[in-house]
Each structure stands twice: as structure tokens, then as C-alpha cells.
């Protein structure tokens, strides 16, 4: 496994804006996948096709949302430095 890919998969931190983006992507994508799956099954009258299409689309969405891709880390938090008190 390449070091860049390993860093992407193993480092699990994303920023707050990235979390909001992931939430939005999840909401819209799950709705999109459900509608596409339902319509394809309704038109073809085949429940297997509905399940297959929904499963494939949900898996693709899972792959996009779960891993901490670099576009989720565009706005890192800046913390204040610790001041020593006497």
C-alpha cells in the first residue's frame, strides 16, 4: 500500500466543515440512491434490481463518506498555544 493512501485511510481526523460536508453528502446521496433504486425497480417490476442498485450506490456512497479524504480537511482548526503559568 502506498504511503499516501495509507495516510489517507489510517489518519481519521477531519475538520468541522468537512464533517458538515460529509453529512450533506450523506443526506443527499442516500436520498438519490433510494430514489434511483426505487424507480428502476418500479419501472422494471423487479425487486432484485432495486436491491442491487441500492446496494451498489450505497456502497459507493459509503466509500466516499467514511474515509477521511483530503477535501474534508481544507479548514483545519487552529488551537491556541499553551501558556505556562507560575
C-alpha atoms as a PDB file:
ATOM      1  CA  UNK A   1       0.000   0.000   0.000  1.00  0.00           C
ATOM      2  CA  UNK A   2       1.417   3.404  -0.889  1.00  0.00           C
ATOM      3  CA  UNK A   3       2.278   5.744   1.953  1.00  0.00           C
ATOM      4  CA  UNK A   4      -0.155   8.443   0.706  1.00  0.00           C
ATOM      5  CA  UNK A   5      -3.067   6.008   0.563  1.00  0.00           C
ATOM      6  CA  UNK A   6      -2.081   4.586   3.927  1.00  0.00           C
ATOM      7  CA  UNK A   7      -2.043   8.094   5.421  1.00  0.00           C
ATOM      8  CA  UNK A   8      -5.492   8.838   4.000  1.00  0.00           C
ATOM      9  CA  UNK A   9      -7.015   5.629   5.355  1.00  0.00           C
ATOM     10  CA  UNK A  10      -5.326   5.473   8.748  1.00  0.00           C
ATOM     11  CA  UNK A  11      -5.499   9.143   9.757  1.00  0.00           C
ATOM     12  CA  UNK A  12      -9.087   9.622  10.809  1.00  0.00           C
ATOM     13  CA  UNK A  13      -9.350  13.321  11.534  1.00  0.00           C
ATOM     14  CA  UNK A  14     -11.439  15.758   9.551  1.00  0.00           C
ATOM     15  CA  UNK A  15     -12.395  19.327  10.391  1.00  0.00           C
ATOM     16  CA  UNK A  16     -15.806  20.692  11.327  1.00  0.00           C
ATOM     17  CA  UNK A  17     -16.535  21.999   7.830  1.00  0.00           C
ATOM     18  CA  UNK A  18     -15.559  18.571   6.469  1.00  0.00           C
ATOM     19  CA  UNK A  19     -17.968  16.906   8.894  1.00  0.00           C
ATOM     20  CA  UNK A  20     -20.779  19.157   7.715  1.00  0.00           C
ATOM     21  CA  UNK A  21     -19.872  18.381   4.093  1.00  0.00           C
ATOM     22  CA  UNK A  22     -19.876  14.635   4.811  1.00  0.00           C
ATOM     23  CA  UNK A  23     -23.278  14.961   6.477  1.00  0.00           C
ATOM     24  CA  UNK A  24     -24.699  16.864   3.500  1.00  0.00           C
ATOM     25  CA  UNK A  25     -23.241  14.379   1.017  1.00  0.00           C
ATOM     26  CA  UNK A  26     -24.705  11.501   3.016  1.00  0.00           C
ATOM     27  CA  UNK A  27     -28.173  13.040   3.183  1.00  0.00           C
ATOM     28  CA  UNK A  28     -28.388  13.902  -0.496  1.00  0.00           C
ATOM     29  CA  UNK A  29     -26.679  10.753  -1.736  1.00  0.00           C
ATOM     30  CA  UNK A  30     -28.812   8.347   0.288  1.00  0.00           C
ATOM     31  CA  UNK A  31     -31.940  10.099  -0.985  1.00  0.00           C
ATOM     32  CA  UNK A  32     -30.613   9.970  -4.548  1.00  0.00           C
ATOM     33  CA  UNK A  33     -29.693   6.275  -4.275  1.00  0.00           C
ATOM     34  CA  UNK A  34     -33.070   5.365  -2.793  1.00  0.00           C
ATOM     35  CA  UNK A  35     -34.990   7.221  -5.482  1.00  0.00           C
ATOM     36  CA  UNK A  36     -32.908   5.726  -8.313  1.00  0.00           C
ATOM     37  CA  UNK A  37     -33.227   2.233  -6.839  1.00  0.00           C
ATOM     38  CA  UNK A  38     -36.946   2.573  -6.314  1.00  0.00           C
ATOM     39  CA  UNK A  39     -37.637   3.977  -9.769  1.00  0.00           C
ATOM     40  CA  UNK A  40     -35.538   1.341 -11.513  1.00  0.00           C
ATOM     41  CA  UNK A  41     -37.316  -1.428  -9.621  1.00  0.00           C
ATOM     42  CA  UNK A  42     -40.716   0.122 -10.173  1.00  0.00           C
ATOM     43  CA  UNK A  43     -40.175   0.538 -13.911  1.00  0.00           C
ATOM     44  CA  UNK A  44     -38.750  -2.969 -14.386  1.00  0.00           C
ATOM     45  CA  UNK A  45     -41.038  -4.556 -11.740  1.00  0.00           C
ATOM     46  CA  UNK A  46     -38.016  -6.396 -10.308  1.00  0.00           C
ATOM     47  CA  UNK A  47     -37.212  -6.251  -6.594  1.00  0.00           C
ATOM     48  CA  UNK A  48     -33.782  -7.828  -7.172  1.00  0.00           C
ATOM     49  CA  UNK A  49     -32.789  -4.934  -9.408  1.00  0.00           C
ATOM     50  CA  UNK A  50     -33.905  -2.475  -6.734  1.00  0.00           C
ATOM     51  CA  UNK A  51     -31.808  -4.210  -4.088  1.00  0.00           C
ATOM     52  CA  UNK A  52     -28.747  -4.474  -6.349  1.00  0.00           C
ATOM     53  CA  UNK A  53     -28.850  -0.850  -7.467  1.00  0.00           C
ATOM     54  CA  UNK A  54     -29.425   0.452  -3.945  1.00  0.00           C
ATOM     55  CA  UNK A  55     -26.631  -1.770  -2.598  1.00  0.00           C
ATOM     56  CA  UNK A  56     -24.124  -0.631  -5.212  1.00  0.00           C
ATOM     57  CA  UNK A  57     -25.000   3.045  -4.813  1.00  0.00           C
ATOM     58  CA  UNK A  58     -24.914   2.838  -1.005  1.00  0.00           C
ATOM     59  CA  UNK A  59     -21.504   1.119  -1.162  1.00  0.00           C
ATOM     60  CA  UNK A  60     -20.138   3.864  -3.405  1.00  0.00           C
ATOM     61  CA  UNK A  61     -21.558   6.483  -1.041  1.00  0.00           C
ATOM     62  CA  UNK A  62     -20.039   4.688   1.932  1.00  0.00           C
ATOM     63  CA  UNK A  63     -16.650   4.723   0.247  1.00  0.00           C
ATOM     64  CA  UNK A  64     -16.932   8.462  -0.413  1.00  0.00           C
ATOM     65  CA  UNK A  65     -18.118   9.456   3.062  1.00  0.00           C
ATOM     66  CA  UNK A  66     -16.350   7.146   5.516  1.00  0.00           C
ATOM     67  CA  UNK A  67     -12.705   7.701   4.617  1.00  0.00           C
ATOM     68  CA  UNK A  68     -11.071  10.999   5.652  1.00  0.00           C
ATOM     69  CA  UNK A  69     -10.302  12.265   2.148  1.00  0.00           C
ATOM     70  CA  UNK A  70      -8.240  15.459   1.759  1.00  0.00           C
ATOM     71  CA  UNK A  71     -11.260  17.543   0.691  1.00  0.00           C
ATOM     72  CA  UNK A  72     -12.659  17.016   4.218  1.00  0.00           C
ATOM     73  CA  UNK A  73      -9.535  18.628   5.726  1.00  0.00           C
ATOM     74  CA  UNK A  74      -9.459  22.002   3.968  1.00  0.00           C
ATOM     75  CA  UNK A  75     -10.265  24.078   7.074  1.00  0.00           C
ATOM     76  CA  UNK A  76      -8.155  22.790   9.970  1.00  0.00           C
ATOM     77  CA  UNK A  77      -8.758  24.153  13.451  1.00  0.00           C
ATOM     78  CA  UNK A  78      -6.098  26.443  14.845  1.00  0.00           C
ATOM     79  CA  UNK A  79      -5.620  25.915  18.563  1.00  0.00           C
ATOM     80  CA  UNK A  80      -4.093  28.467  20.911  1.00  0.00           C
ATOM     81  CA  UNK A  81      -0.666  27.685  22.264  1.00  0.00           C
ATOM     82  CA  UNK A  82      -0.487  26.637  25.877  1.00  0.00           C
ATOM     83  CA  UNK A  83       0.767  29.376  28.173  1.00  0.00           C
ATOM     84  CA  UNK A  84       2.731  28.376  31.224  1.00  0.00           C
ATOM     85  CA  UNK A  85       1.517  29.958  34.447  1.00  0.00           C
ATOM     86  CA  UNK A  86       3.674  30.467  37.509  1.00  0.00           C
END
